[in-house]
């Protein structure tokens, strides 16, 4: 059992490390390196970064079972993984990212599926079988709130004002094309929808982890 856990955590770490280097340090995701903000323009990469941190902590826990201080981040990470999965595939289906890039190899396709599905599978397995989550609502939900507000502020006040691509009918610089077609009111409505989806995801993840006999919060 412990050997299986170590193998799983090692594989999760190696994959997370690869995408940490390629997507965040090198910034080769969707827009090529050179635009302001690099790979951290995208919520997908915020999710990959958080999953990488958790994968590192899980390996430390493998050596020191008393190291559990990262547990309070796990619920927010579960919710973020759900949001990235749902938002990416729904918006992609609706054409909100613009025309798909041509010439993708099978490796590019596999990377896309890992970033928007596979990494979430590893995270959920870690939480469900090897770690503990949803122990302190106030502390855990505050992490989700910080990530949610932080990413919106990052896009609105830093990424958008420092980039002039992509462009829509209303603005330029938001990392996701469809946001550049929305005015302030439209973006606020979109953010509210995402917040509601996040809260619903929180309740669903808690039920999944704690079982049906526990409260939603």
N, C-alpha and C. Protein backbone atom coordinates (compact mmCIF):
# COMPACT_ATOMS: atom_id res chain seq x y z
N UNK A 1 0.83 -1.20 0.00
CA UNK A 1 0.00 0.00 0.00
C UNK A 1 0.87 1.26 0.00
N UNK A 2 1.87 1.29 0.89
CA UNK A 2 2.74 2.46 0.95
C UNK A 2 3.59 2.59 -0.30
N UNK A 3 4.02 1.46 -0.87
CA UNK A 3 4.76 1.51 -2.13
C UNK A 3 3.90 2.06 -3.25
N UNK A 4 2.63 1.66 -3.26
CA UNK A 4 1.71 2.17 -4.26
C UNK A 4 1.49 3.66 -4.12
N UNK A 5 1.38 4.13 -2.88
CA UNK A 5 1.21 5.56 -2.64
C UNK A 5 2.44 6.34 -3.09
N UNK A 6 3.62 5.81 -2.79
CA UNK A 6 4.87 6.47 -3.18
C UNK A 6 4.99 6.54 -4.70
N UNK A 7 4.65 5.45 -5.39
CA UNK A 7 4.71 5.44 -6.86
C UNK A 7 3.74 6.46 -7.43
N UNK A 8 2.51 6.47 -6.89
CA UNK A 8 1.51 7.42 -7.37
C UNK A 8 1.99 8.86 -7.17
N UNK A 9 2.48 9.17 -5.98
CA UNK A 9 2.92 10.53 -5.68
C UNK A 9 4.14 10.92 -6.50
N UNK A 10 5.00 9.97 -6.78
CA UNK A 10 6.18 10.25 -7.60
C UNK A 10 5.77 10.58 -9.03
N UNK A 11 4.84 9.80 -9.59
CA UNK A 11 4.36 10.07 -10.95
C UNK A 11 3.67 11.43 -11.00
N UNK A 12 2.83 11.70 -10.00
CA UNK A 12 2.13 12.98 -9.95
C UNK A 12 3.11 14.14 -9.89
N UNK A 13 4.18 13.96 -9.12
CA UNK A 13 5.19 15.02 -8.99
C UNK A 13 5.94 15.25 -10.30
N UNK A 14 6.35 14.17 -10.95
CA UNK A 14 7.10 14.31 -12.21
C UNK A 14 6.27 15.03 -13.27
N UNK A 15 5.01 14.64 -13.40
CA UNK A 15 4.14 15.31 -14.36
C UNK A 15 3.93 16.78 -13.99
N UNK A 16 3.68 17.03 -12.71
CA UNK A 16 3.46 18.40 -12.26
C UNK A 16 4.71 19.25 -12.48
N UNK A 17 5.88 18.67 -12.24
CA UNK A 17 7.13 19.39 -12.45
C UNK A 17 7.32 19.74 -13.92
N UNK A 18 7.03 18.79 -14.80
CA UNK A 18 7.17 19.05 -16.24
C UNK A 18 6.31 20.23 -16.67
N UNK A 19 5.05 20.25 -16.25
CA UNK A 19 4.16 21.32 -16.67
C UNK A 19 4.46 22.62 -15.94
N UNK A 20 5.01 22.54 -14.74
CA UNK A 20 5.47 23.74 -14.05
C UNK A 20 6.57 24.42 -14.85
N UNK A 21 7.49 23.63 -15.37
CA UNK A 21 8.60 24.18 -16.14
C UNK A 21 8.12 24.71 -17.50
N UNK A 22 7.36 23.90 -18.23
CA UNK A 22 6.98 24.28 -19.59
C UNK A 22 5.91 25.37 -19.63
N UNK A 23 4.93 25.29 -18.75
CA UNK A 23 3.80 26.22 -18.82
C UNK A 23 4.03 27.50 -18.05
N UNK A 24 4.71 27.40 -16.91
CA UNK A 24 4.82 28.56 -16.03
C UNK A 24 6.17 29.25 -16.19
N UNK A 25 7.24 28.49 -16.11
CA UNK A 25 8.56 29.10 -16.26
C UNK A 25 8.81 29.52 -17.71
N UNK A 26 8.53 28.62 -18.66
CA UNK A 26 8.74 28.94 -20.06
C UNK A 26 7.54 29.63 -20.70
N UNK A 27 6.34 29.38 -20.16
CA UNK A 27 5.15 30.07 -20.63
C UNK A 27 4.67 29.67 -22.00
N UNK A 28 4.86 28.42 -22.40
CA UNK A 28 4.49 28.00 -23.75
C UNK A 28 3.06 27.46 -23.81
N UNK A 29 2.10 28.15 -23.22
CA UNK A 29 0.73 27.66 -23.28
C UNK A 29 -0.17 28.70 -23.94
N UNK A 30 -0.76 28.36 -25.04
CA UNK A 30 -1.67 29.17 -25.85
C UNK A 30 -0.94 30.34 -26.50
N UNK A 31 -0.53 31.34 -25.72
CA UNK A 31 0.25 32.44 -26.27
C UNK A 31 1.71 32.16 -26.01
N UNK A 32 2.56 32.44 -26.95
CA UNK A 32 3.97 32.15 -26.78
C UNK A 32 4.62 33.12 -25.81
N UNK A 33 5.78 32.75 -25.30
CA UNK A 33 6.50 33.60 -24.35
C UNK A 33 6.77 34.96 -24.98
N UNK A 34 6.78 35.99 -24.18
CA UNK A 34 7.06 37.32 -24.68
C UNK A 34 5.98 38.32 -24.32
N UNK A 35 4.76 37.85 -24.07
CA UNK A 35 3.69 38.74 -23.62
C UNK A 35 3.73 38.85 -22.11
N UNK A 36 3.26 39.97 -21.61
CA UNK A 36 3.38 40.28 -20.19
C UNK A 36 2.58 39.29 -19.35
N UNK A 37 3.20 38.79 -18.30
CA UNK A 37 2.53 37.85 -17.41
C UNK A 37 2.93 36.41 -17.63
N UNK A 38 3.52 36.13 -18.82
CA UNK A 38 3.97 34.78 -19.10
C UNK A 38 2.87 33.74 -18.96
N UNK A 39 3.25 32.56 -18.51
CA UNK A 39 2.29 31.48 -18.38
C UNK A 39 1.23 31.74 -17.33
N UNK A 40 1.51 32.61 -16.36
CA UNK A 40 0.56 32.86 -15.28
C UNK A 40 -0.58 33.78 -15.69
N UNK A 41 -0.67 34.11 -16.99
CA UNK A 41 -1.85 34.83 -17.46
C UNK A 41 -3.09 33.96 -17.33
N UNK A 42 -2.90 32.64 -17.37
CA UNK A 42 -4.03 31.72 -17.54
C UNK A 42 -4.38 30.99 -16.26
N UNK A 43 -5.68 30.85 -16.02
CA UNK A 43 -6.16 30.15 -14.83
C UNK A 43 -5.70 28.70 -14.83
N UNK A 44 -5.62 28.10 -16.01
CA UNK A 44 -5.12 26.73 -16.11
C UNK A 44 -3.77 26.60 -15.42
N UNK A 45 -2.90 27.57 -15.63
CA UNK A 45 -1.56 27.49 -15.06
C UNK A 45 -1.55 27.82 -13.57
N UNK A 46 -2.47 28.64 -13.11
CA UNK A 46 -2.62 28.82 -11.66
C UNK A 46 -2.98 27.48 -11.04
N UNK A 47 -3.87 26.76 -11.71
CA UNK A 47 -4.27 25.45 -11.22
C UNK A 47 -3.11 24.47 -11.23
N UNK A 48 -2.34 24.46 -12.33
CA UNK A 48 -1.18 23.58 -12.41
C UNK A 48 -0.14 23.93 -11.35
N UNK A 49 0.05 25.22 -11.08
CA UNK A 49 1.00 25.64 -10.05
C UNK A 49 0.57 25.14 -8.68
N UNK A 50 -0.72 25.29 -8.37
CA UNK A 50 -1.22 24.82 -7.07
C UNK A 50 -1.10 23.31 -6.96
N UNK A 51 -1.39 22.60 -8.04
CA UNK A 51 -1.25 21.14 -8.03
C UNK A 51 0.21 20.73 -7.87
N UNK A 52 1.12 21.51 -8.46
CA UNK A 52 2.55 21.24 -8.31
C UNK A 52 2.99 21.42 -6.85
N UNK A 53 2.52 22.48 -6.22
CA UNK A 53 2.85 22.71 -4.80
C UNK A 53 2.34 21.56 -3.94
N UNK A 54 1.12 21.11 -4.21
CA UNK A 54 0.54 20.00 -3.44
C UNK A 54 1.32 18.71 -3.71
N UNK A 55 1.72 18.48 -4.95
CA UNK A 55 2.52 17.28 -5.27
C UNK A 55 3.85 17.31 -4.52
N UNK A 56 4.46 18.48 -4.41
CA UNK A 56 5.71 18.61 -3.64
C UNK A 56 5.46 18.31 -2.16
N UNK A 57 4.39 18.87 -1.63
CA UNK A 57 4.07 18.65 -0.21
C UNK A 57 3.75 17.18 0.06
N UNK A 58 3.10 16.53 -0.89
CA UNK A 58 2.77 15.11 -0.72
C UNK A 58 4.02 14.26 -0.63
N UNK A 59 5.05 14.60 -1.40
CA UNK A 59 6.31 13.87 -1.32
C UNK A 59 7.01 14.13 0.02
N UNK A 60 6.92 15.35 0.51
CA UNK A 60 7.47 15.64 1.84
C UNK A 60 6.73 14.82 2.90
N UNK A 61 5.42 14.75 2.76
CA UNK A 61 4.61 13.95 3.68
C UNK A 61 4.99 12.48 3.64
N UNK A 62 5.45 12.03 2.47
CA UNK A 62 5.88 10.64 2.35
C UNK A 62 7.07 10.35 3.25
N UNK A 63 7.92 11.34 3.47
CA UNK A 63 9.10 11.18 4.33
C UNK A 63 8.79 11.54 5.79
N UNK A 64 7.85 12.45 5.97
CA UNK A 64 7.49 12.91 7.31
C UNK A 64 5.97 12.93 7.42
N UNK A 65 5.41 11.90 8.03
CA UNK A 65 3.95 11.76 8.08
C UNK A 65 3.29 12.83 8.94
N UNK A 66 4.09 13.54 9.73
CA UNK A 66 3.53 14.62 10.56
C UNK A 66 3.36 15.91 9.76
N UNK A 67 3.93 15.96 8.56
CA UNK A 67 3.82 17.16 7.73
C UNK A 67 2.46 17.15 7.04
N UNK A 68 1.51 17.87 7.61
CA UNK A 68 0.15 17.93 7.05
C UNK A 68 -0.35 19.36 6.94
N UNK A 69 0.56 20.32 7.05
CA UNK A 69 0.14 21.72 7.07
C UNK A 69 -0.46 22.17 5.75
N UNK A 70 -0.24 21.40 4.67
CA UNK A 70 -0.80 21.77 3.37
C UNK A 70 -2.25 21.30 3.19
N UNK A 71 -2.78 20.57 4.14
CA UNK A 71 -4.13 20.03 4.00
C UNK A 71 -5.18 21.13 3.80
N UNK A 72 -4.96 22.29 4.43
CA UNK A 72 -5.98 23.34 4.35
C UNK A 72 -6.10 23.93 2.94
N UNK A 73 -5.13 23.65 2.06
CA UNK A 73 -5.19 24.15 0.68
C UNK A 73 -5.97 23.19 -0.22
N UNK A 74 -6.14 21.96 0.20
CA UNK A 74 -6.72 20.93 -0.67
C UNK A 74 -8.15 21.23 -1.14
N UNK A 75 -9.07 21.69 -0.27
CA UNK A 75 -10.42 21.97 -0.78
C UNK A 75 -10.45 23.02 -1.88
N UNK A 76 -9.70 24.11 -1.70
CA UNK A 76 -9.66 25.15 -2.73
C UNK A 76 -9.08 24.59 -4.03
N UNK A 77 -8.09 23.72 -3.91
CA UNK A 77 -7.50 23.12 -5.09
C UNK A 77 -8.50 22.22 -5.81
N UNK A 78 -9.28 21.46 -5.06
CA UNK A 78 -10.31 20.63 -5.69
C UNK A 78 -11.29 21.49 -6.47
N UNK A 79 -11.74 22.57 -5.85
CA UNK A 79 -12.71 23.45 -6.51
C UNK A 79 -12.09 24.10 -7.74
N UNK A 80 -10.85 24.55 -7.63
CA UNK A 80 -10.18 25.17 -8.78
C UNK A 80 -10.05 24.18 -9.93
N UNK A 81 -9.75 22.93 -9.62
CA UNK A 81 -9.67 21.91 -10.66
C UNK A 81 -11.01 21.70 -11.35
N UNK A 82 -12.08 21.71 -10.58
CA UNK A 82 -13.41 21.57 -11.16
C UNK A 82 -13.72 22.75 -12.07
N UNK A 83 -13.42 23.96 -11.60
CA UNK A 83 -13.69 25.16 -12.39
C UNK A 83 -12.92 25.15 -13.70
N UNK A 84 -11.63 24.81 -13.64
CA UNK A 84 -10.82 24.77 -14.85
C UNK A 84 -11.38 23.75 -15.83
N UNK A 85 -11.75 22.59 -15.33
CA UNK A 85 -12.30 21.54 -16.19
C UNK A 85 -13.59 22.01 -16.86
N UNK A 86 -14.54 22.49 -16.07
CA UNK A 86 -15.85 22.87 -16.61
C UNK A 86 -15.73 24.08 -17.53
N UNK A 87 -15.05 25.12 -17.06
CA UNK A 87 -14.96 26.34 -17.85
C UNK A 87 -14.23 26.11 -19.17
N UNK A 88 -13.13 25.38 -19.12
CA UNK A 88 -12.33 25.19 -20.34
C UNK A 88 -13.13 24.46 -21.41
N UNK A 89 -13.73 23.32 -21.03
CA UNK A 89 -14.39 22.52 -22.05
C UNK A 89 -15.68 23.15 -22.53
N UNK A 90 -16.40 23.85 -21.65
CA UNK A 90 -17.64 24.51 -22.08
C UNK A 90 -17.32 25.70 -22.99
N UNK A 91 -16.36 26.54 -22.56
CA UNK A 91 -16.01 27.72 -23.36
C UNK A 91 -15.39 27.29 -24.69
N UNK A 92 -14.58 26.25 -24.67
CA UNK A 92 -13.99 25.75 -25.92
C UNK A 92 -15.07 25.25 -26.86
N UNK A 93 -16.06 24.53 -26.31
CA UNK A 93 -17.16 24.02 -27.12
C UNK A 93 -17.94 25.16 -27.76
N UNK A 94 -18.07 26.28 -27.03
CA UNK A 94 -18.83 27.43 -27.53
C UNK A 94 -17.98 28.37 -28.40
N UNK A 95 -16.70 28.05 -28.57
CA UNK A 95 -15.84 28.87 -29.41
C UNK A 95 -15.32 30.13 -28.75
N UNK A 96 -15.35 30.18 -27.41
CA UNK A 96 -14.95 31.39 -26.70
C UNK A 96 -13.45 31.66 -26.69
N UNK A 97 -12.66 30.68 -27.11
CA UNK A 97 -11.21 30.88 -27.18
C UNK A 97 -10.73 31.27 -28.57
N UNK A 98 -11.67 31.41 -29.48
CA UNK A 98 -11.29 31.72 -30.86
C UNK A 98 -11.01 30.46 -31.65
N UNK A 99 -10.50 30.64 -32.85
CA UNK A 99 -10.21 29.50 -33.72
C UNK A 99 -9.13 28.62 -33.12
N UNK A 100 -9.33 27.32 -33.23
CA UNK A 100 -8.36 26.37 -32.69
C UNK A 100 -7.06 26.42 -33.50
N UNK A 101 -5.94 26.25 -32.79
CA UNK A 101 -4.66 26.21 -33.48
C UNK A 101 -4.58 24.96 -34.36
N UNK A 102 -4.00 25.13 -35.52
CA UNK A 102 -3.86 24.00 -36.44
C UNK A 102 -2.51 23.32 -36.23
N UNK A 103 -2.41 22.11 -36.74
CA UNK A 103 -1.14 21.41 -36.71
C UNK A 103 -0.78 20.79 -35.38
N UNK A 104 -1.78 20.53 -34.54
CA UNK A 104 -1.49 19.90 -33.25
C UNK A 104 -1.07 18.44 -33.47
N UNK A 105 -0.01 18.03 -32.79
CA UNK A 105 0.40 16.63 -32.80
C UNK A 105 -0.36 15.88 -31.72
N UNK A 106 -0.24 14.56 -31.71
CA UNK A 106 -0.88 13.76 -30.67
C UNK A 106 -0.35 14.14 -29.30
N UNK A 107 0.92 14.55 -29.24
CA UNK A 107 1.51 15.00 -27.98
C UNK A 107 0.85 16.27 -27.49
N UNK A 108 0.54 17.20 -28.39
CA UNK A 108 -0.15 18.43 -28.02
C UNK A 108 -1.55 18.12 -27.48
N UNK A 109 -2.22 17.19 -28.12
CA UNK A 109 -3.57 16.81 -27.68
C UNK A 109 -3.52 16.19 -26.28
N UNK A 110 -2.56 15.28 -26.06
CA UNK A 110 -2.42 14.65 -24.76
C UNK A 110 -2.09 15.68 -23.68
N UNK A 111 -1.25 16.65 -23.99
CA UNK A 111 -0.94 17.72 -23.04
C UNK A 111 -2.19 18.50 -22.69
N UNK A 112 -3.00 18.79 -23.70
CA UNK A 112 -4.24 19.54 -23.48
C UNK A 112 -5.18 18.78 -22.54
N UNK A 113 -5.29 17.48 -22.75
CA UNK A 113 -6.16 16.66 -21.90
C UNK A 113 -5.59 16.55 -20.49
N UNK A 114 -4.29 16.48 -20.37
CA UNK A 114 -3.71 16.43 -19.03
C UNK A 114 -3.96 17.73 -18.28
N UNK A 115 -3.71 18.87 -18.94
CA UNK A 115 -3.86 20.17 -18.28
C UNK A 115 -5.29 20.44 -17.85
N UNK A 116 -6.25 19.91 -18.59
CA UNK A 116 -7.65 20.24 -18.31
C UNK A 116 -8.48 19.04 -17.87
N UNK A 117 -7.80 17.96 -17.51
CA UNK A 117 -8.48 16.80 -16.95
C UNK A 117 -7.55 15.92 -16.13
N UNK A 118 -6.45 15.50 -16.73
CA UNK A 118 -5.55 14.56 -16.06
C UNK A 118 -5.01 15.06 -14.74
N UNK A 119 -4.58 16.32 -14.69
CA UNK A 119 -4.04 16.85 -13.44
C UNK A 119 -5.07 16.83 -12.33
N UNK A 120 -6.34 17.02 -12.72
CA UNK A 120 -7.43 16.98 -11.72
C UNK A 120 -7.64 15.58 -11.17
N UNK A 121 -7.48 14.57 -12.03
CA UNK A 121 -7.61 13.18 -11.58
C UNK A 121 -6.56 12.88 -10.51
N UNK A 122 -5.31 13.29 -10.76
CA UNK A 122 -4.25 13.06 -9.78
C UNK A 122 -4.55 13.77 -8.47
N UNK A 123 -5.04 15.00 -8.56
CA UNK A 123 -5.33 15.77 -7.35
C UNK A 123 -6.46 15.12 -6.55
N UNK A 124 -7.51 14.70 -7.24
CA UNK A 124 -8.65 14.09 -6.54
C UNK A 124 -8.25 12.76 -5.90
N UNK A 125 -7.45 11.96 -6.57
CA UNK A 125 -6.98 10.70 -5.97
C UNK A 125 -6.16 10.98 -4.71
N UNK A 126 -5.29 11.97 -4.78
CA UNK A 126 -4.48 12.35 -3.61
C UNK A 126 -5.37 12.71 -2.43
N UNK A 127 -6.39 13.53 -2.68
CA UNK A 127 -7.25 13.98 -1.59
C UNK A 127 -8.11 12.84 -1.06
N UNK A 128 -8.67 12.05 -1.94
CA UNK A 128 -9.62 11.02 -1.53
C UNK A 128 -8.97 9.84 -0.81
N UNK A 129 -7.72 9.52 -1.18
CA UNK A 129 -7.11 8.30 -0.66
C UNK A 129 -5.91 8.53 0.25
N UNK A 130 -5.23 9.66 0.11
CA UNK A 130 -3.97 9.80 0.83
C UNK A 130 -3.88 11.03 1.73
N UNK A 131 -4.82 11.94 1.64
CA UNK A 131 -4.77 13.16 2.44
C UNK A 131 -6.13 13.40 3.08
N UNK A 132 -6.23 14.49 3.82
CA UNK A 132 -7.48 14.85 4.47
C UNK A 132 -7.82 16.29 4.11
N UNK A 133 -9.10 16.51 3.82
CA UNK A 133 -9.55 17.85 3.45
C UNK A 133 -10.88 18.14 4.13
N UNK A 134 -11.29 19.41 4.07
CA UNK A 134 -12.54 19.89 4.65
C UNK A 134 -12.58 19.65 6.16
N UNK A 135 -11.56 20.19 6.81
CA UNK A 135 -11.46 20.10 8.26
C UNK A 135 -11.79 21.42 8.95
N UNK A 136 -11.53 22.54 8.26
CA UNK A 136 -11.71 23.87 8.86
C UNK A 136 -12.28 24.78 7.78
N UNK A 137 -13.60 24.94 7.78
CA UNK A 137 -14.27 25.68 6.70
C UNK A 137 -13.74 27.10 6.56
N UNK A 138 -13.61 27.82 7.67
CA UNK A 138 -13.22 29.23 7.58
C UNK A 138 -11.84 29.39 6.93
N UNK A 139 -10.90 28.60 7.35
CA UNK A 139 -9.55 28.71 6.80
C UNK A 139 -9.51 28.20 5.36
N UNK A 140 -10.17 27.08 5.09
CA UNK A 140 -10.12 26.47 3.77
C UNK A 140 -10.86 27.30 2.73
N UNK A 141 -12.04 27.81 3.09
CA UNK A 141 -12.80 28.59 2.12
C UNK A 141 -12.14 29.94 1.84
N UNK A 142 -11.43 30.46 2.84
CA UNK A 142 -10.72 31.72 2.62
C UNK A 142 -9.63 31.56 1.56
N UNK A 143 -9.03 30.37 1.47
CA UNK A 143 -8.02 30.12 0.43
C UNK A 143 -8.67 30.21 -0.95
N UNK A 144 -9.84 29.59 -1.08
CA UNK A 144 -10.56 29.68 -2.36
C UNK A 144 -10.91 31.13 -2.68
N UNK A 145 -11.38 31.88 -1.68
CA UNK A 145 -11.73 33.28 -1.89
C UNK A 145 -10.54 34.10 -2.34
N UNK A 146 -9.38 33.86 -1.73
CA UNK A 146 -8.16 34.60 -2.10
C UNK A 146 -7.77 34.29 -3.55
N UNK A 147 -7.85 33.01 -3.93
CA UNK A 147 -7.50 32.63 -5.30
C UNK A 147 -8.48 33.25 -6.29
N UNK A 148 -9.76 33.19 -5.97
CA UNK A 148 -10.81 33.70 -6.87
C UNK A 148 -10.63 35.21 -7.10
N UNK A 149 -10.56 35.96 -6.00
CA UNK A 149 -10.41 37.42 -6.11
C UNK A 149 -9.04 37.77 -6.69
N UNK A 150 -8.02 37.02 -6.28
CA UNK A 150 -6.66 37.30 -6.74
C UNK A 150 -6.53 37.17 -8.25
N UNK A 151 -7.12 36.13 -8.82
CA UNK A 151 -6.98 35.94 -10.27
C UNK A 151 -7.74 37.02 -11.04
N UNK A 152 -8.91 37.39 -10.56
CA UNK A 152 -9.67 38.44 -11.23
C UNK A 152 -8.91 39.77 -11.19
N UNK A 153 -8.38 40.11 -10.03
CA UNK A 153 -7.59 41.35 -9.91
C UNK A 153 -6.34 41.29 -10.79
N UNK A 154 -5.72 40.14 -10.84
CA UNK A 154 -4.54 39.93 -11.68
C UNK A 154 -4.87 40.21 -13.15
N UNK A 155 -6.01 39.68 -13.62
CA UNK A 155 -6.40 39.90 -15.01
C UNK A 155 -6.79 41.34 -15.26
N UNK A 156 -7.62 41.89 -14.37
CA UNK A 156 -8.20 43.21 -14.60
C UNK A 156 -7.18 44.34 -14.50
N UNK A 157 -6.29 44.26 -13.52
CA UNK A 157 -5.43 45.40 -13.20
C UNK A 157 -3.97 45.22 -13.61
N UNK A 158 -3.60 44.03 -14.05
CA UNK A 158 -2.22 43.81 -14.42
C UNK A 158 -2.08 43.23 -15.83
N UNK A 159 -2.69 42.06 -16.07
CA UNK A 159 -2.52 41.41 -17.37
C UNK A 159 -3.13 42.24 -18.49
N UNK A 160 -4.38 42.67 -18.32
CA UNK A 160 -5.07 43.38 -19.40
C UNK A 160 -4.40 44.71 -19.74
N UNK A 161 -3.96 45.44 -18.75
CA UNK A 161 -3.40 46.77 -19.02
C UNK A 161 -1.98 46.70 -19.59
N UNK A 162 -1.35 45.55 -19.50
CA UNK A 162 0.02 45.41 -19.98
C UNK A 162 0.13 44.60 -21.26
N UNK A 163 -1.00 44.18 -21.83
CA UNK A 163 -0.99 43.42 -23.08
C UNK A 163 -1.94 44.06 -24.07
N UNK A 164 -1.65 43.94 -25.33
CA UNK A 164 -2.54 44.47 -26.37
C UNK A 164 -3.05 43.36 -27.30
N UNK A 165 -2.97 42.13 -26.84
CA UNK A 165 -3.44 40.99 -27.62
C UNK A 165 -3.87 39.89 -26.64
N UNK A 166 -4.95 39.18 -26.92
CA UNK A 166 -5.86 39.26 -28.08
C UNK A 166 -6.83 40.44 -27.95
N UNK A 167 -7.54 40.72 -29.03
CA UNK A 167 -8.46 41.84 -29.07
C UNK A 167 -9.87 41.38 -29.43
N UNK A 168 -10.85 42.07 -28.84
CA UNK A 168 -12.25 41.86 -29.18
C UNK A 168 -12.88 43.18 -29.56
N UNK A 169 -14.21 43.24 -29.55
CA UNK A 169 -14.92 44.46 -29.92
C UNK A 169 -14.86 45.52 -28.83
N UNK A 170 -14.61 45.10 -27.59
CA UNK A 170 -14.65 46.03 -26.46
C UNK A 170 -13.27 46.40 -25.96
N UNK A 171 -12.37 45.42 -25.87
CA UNK A 171 -11.06 45.68 -25.27
C UNK A 171 -10.02 44.72 -25.84
N UNK A 172 -8.79 44.93 -25.40
CA UNK A 172 -7.69 44.05 -25.75
C UNK A 172 -6.92 43.68 -24.47
N UNK A 173 -6.24 42.55 -24.51
CA UNK A 173 -5.33 42.22 -23.43
C UNK A 173 -5.76 41.17 -22.46
N UNK A 174 -7.07 40.90 -22.37
CA UNK A 174 -7.50 39.82 -21.49
C UNK A 174 -7.01 38.50 -22.10
N UNK A 175 -6.49 37.59 -21.27
CA UNK A 175 -5.86 36.38 -21.82
C UNK A 175 -6.81 35.46 -22.58
N UNK A 176 -8.11 35.55 -22.25
CA UNK A 176 -9.10 34.72 -22.93
C UNK A 176 -9.90 35.61 -23.88
N UNK A 177 -9.94 35.22 -25.14
CA UNK A 177 -10.50 36.06 -26.19
C UNK A 177 -11.90 36.55 -25.86
N UNK A 178 -12.78 35.69 -25.36
CA UNK A 178 -14.17 36.06 -25.16
C UNK A 178 -14.33 37.20 -24.16
N UNK A 179 -13.39 37.33 -23.21
CA UNK A 179 -13.49 38.42 -22.22
C UNK A 179 -13.33 39.78 -22.89
N UNK A 180 -12.63 39.82 -24.01
CA UNK A 180 -12.43 41.09 -24.71
C UNK A 180 -13.66 41.53 -25.51
N UNK A 181 -14.68 40.70 -25.52
CA UNK A 181 -15.95 41.07 -26.14
C UNK A 181 -16.99 41.48 -25.09
N UNK A 182 -16.61 41.45 -23.82
CA UNK A 182 -17.54 41.80 -22.74
C UNK A 182 -17.17 43.14 -22.14
N UNK A 183 -18.20 43.96 -21.85
CA UNK A 183 -17.94 45.20 -21.12
C UNK A 183 -17.84 44.90 -19.63
N UNK A 184 -17.70 45.93 -18.81
CA UNK A 184 -17.51 45.72 -17.37
C UNK A 184 -18.67 44.93 -16.77
N UNK A 185 -19.90 45.32 -17.13
CA UNK A 185 -21.07 44.62 -16.59
C UNK A 185 -21.07 43.15 -17.01
N UNK A 186 -20.72 42.90 -18.27
CA UNK A 186 -20.69 41.53 -18.77
C UNK A 186 -19.67 40.68 -18.04
N UNK A 187 -18.49 41.27 -17.78
CA UNK A 187 -17.47 40.51 -17.07
C UNK A 187 -17.88 40.26 -15.63
N UNK A 188 -18.51 41.24 -14.99
CA UNK A 188 -18.96 41.05 -13.61
C UNK A 188 -19.99 39.92 -13.53
N UNK A 189 -20.89 39.87 -14.51
CA UNK A 189 -21.88 38.79 -14.54
C UNK A 189 -21.18 37.44 -14.72
N UNK A 190 -20.20 37.41 -15.61
CA UNK A 190 -19.45 36.17 -15.82
C UNK A 190 -18.74 35.74 -14.55
N UNK A 191 -18.08 36.68 -13.86
CA UNK A 191 -17.38 36.35 -12.63
C UNK A 191 -18.35 35.86 -11.56
N UNK A 192 -19.55 36.44 -11.52
CA UNK A 192 -20.56 36.00 -10.55
C UNK A 192 -20.99 34.57 -10.85
N UNK A 193 -21.18 34.26 -12.13
CA UNK A 193 -21.54 32.89 -12.52
C UNK A 193 -20.45 31.91 -12.09
N UNK A 194 -19.19 32.30 -12.31
CA UNK A 194 -18.07 31.43 -11.91
C UNK A 194 -18.05 31.26 -10.41
N UNK A 195 -18.33 32.33 -9.65
CA UNK A 195 -18.36 32.23 -8.19
C UNK A 195 -19.43 31.26 -7.73
N UNK A 196 -20.61 31.36 -8.33
CA UNK A 196 -21.70 30.44 -7.98
C UNK A 196 -21.31 29.01 -8.31
N UNK A 197 -20.70 28.82 -9.47
CA UNK A 197 -20.23 27.48 -9.85
C UNK A 197 -19.19 26.99 -8.86
N UNK A 198 -18.33 27.90 -8.39
CA UNK A 198 -17.31 27.53 -7.40
C UNK A 198 -17.92 27.08 -6.09
N UNK A 199 -18.93 27.80 -5.61
CA UNK A 199 -19.59 27.44 -4.35
C UNK A 199 -20.29 26.09 -4.48
N UNK A 200 -20.97 25.88 -5.62
CA UNK A 200 -21.63 24.59 -5.85
C UNK A 200 -20.59 23.47 -5.92
N UNK A 201 -19.46 23.75 -6.56
CA UNK A 201 -18.38 22.76 -6.64
C UNK A 201 -17.82 22.46 -5.26
N UNK A 202 -17.70 23.49 -4.43
CA UNK A 202 -17.22 23.29 -3.06
C UNK A 202 -18.13 22.31 -2.33
N UNK A 203 -19.45 22.53 -2.42
CA UNK A 203 -20.40 21.65 -1.74
C UNK A 203 -20.31 20.23 -2.27
N UNK A 204 -20.18 20.09 -3.59
CA UNK A 204 -20.08 18.76 -4.18
C UNK A 204 -18.80 18.05 -3.76
N UNK A 205 -17.69 18.78 -3.75
CA UNK A 205 -16.41 18.17 -3.34
C UNK A 205 -16.44 17.77 -1.88
N UNK A 206 -17.05 18.60 -1.05
CA UNK A 206 -17.14 18.26 0.38
C UNK A 206 -17.97 16.98 0.59
N UNK A 207 -19.08 16.89 -0.13
CA UNK A 207 -19.90 15.68 -0.03
C UNK A 207 -19.12 14.45 -0.50
N UNK A 208 -18.35 14.62 -1.56
CA UNK A 208 -17.55 13.52 -2.09
C UNK A 208 -16.52 13.04 -1.07
N UNK A 209 -15.89 13.99 -0.38
CA UNK A 209 -14.84 13.65 0.57
C UNK A 209 -15.41 13.18 1.91
N UNK A 210 -16.40 13.89 2.42
CA UNK A 210 -16.90 13.63 3.78
C UNK A 210 -18.04 12.61 3.82
N UNK A 211 -18.73 12.43 2.70
CA UNK A 211 -19.85 11.50 2.69
C UNK A 211 -21.18 12.21 2.85
N UNK A 212 -22.27 11.53 2.54
CA UNK A 212 -23.59 12.16 2.54
C UNK A 212 -24.10 12.58 3.91
N UNK A 213 -23.51 12.08 4.96
CA UNK A 213 -24.01 12.41 6.30
C UNK A 213 -23.52 13.73 6.85
N UNK A 214 -22.70 14.45 6.11
CA UNK A 214 -22.13 15.71 6.60
C UNK A 214 -22.81 16.90 5.93
N UNK A 215 -22.69 18.05 6.58
CA UNK A 215 -23.29 19.28 6.06
C UNK A 215 -22.56 19.73 4.80
N UNK A 216 -23.20 20.62 4.04
CA UNK A 216 -22.60 21.11 2.80
C UNK A 216 -21.39 21.99 3.06
N UNK A 217 -21.35 22.63 4.23
CA UNK A 217 -20.23 23.48 4.58
C UNK A 217 -19.56 23.00 5.87
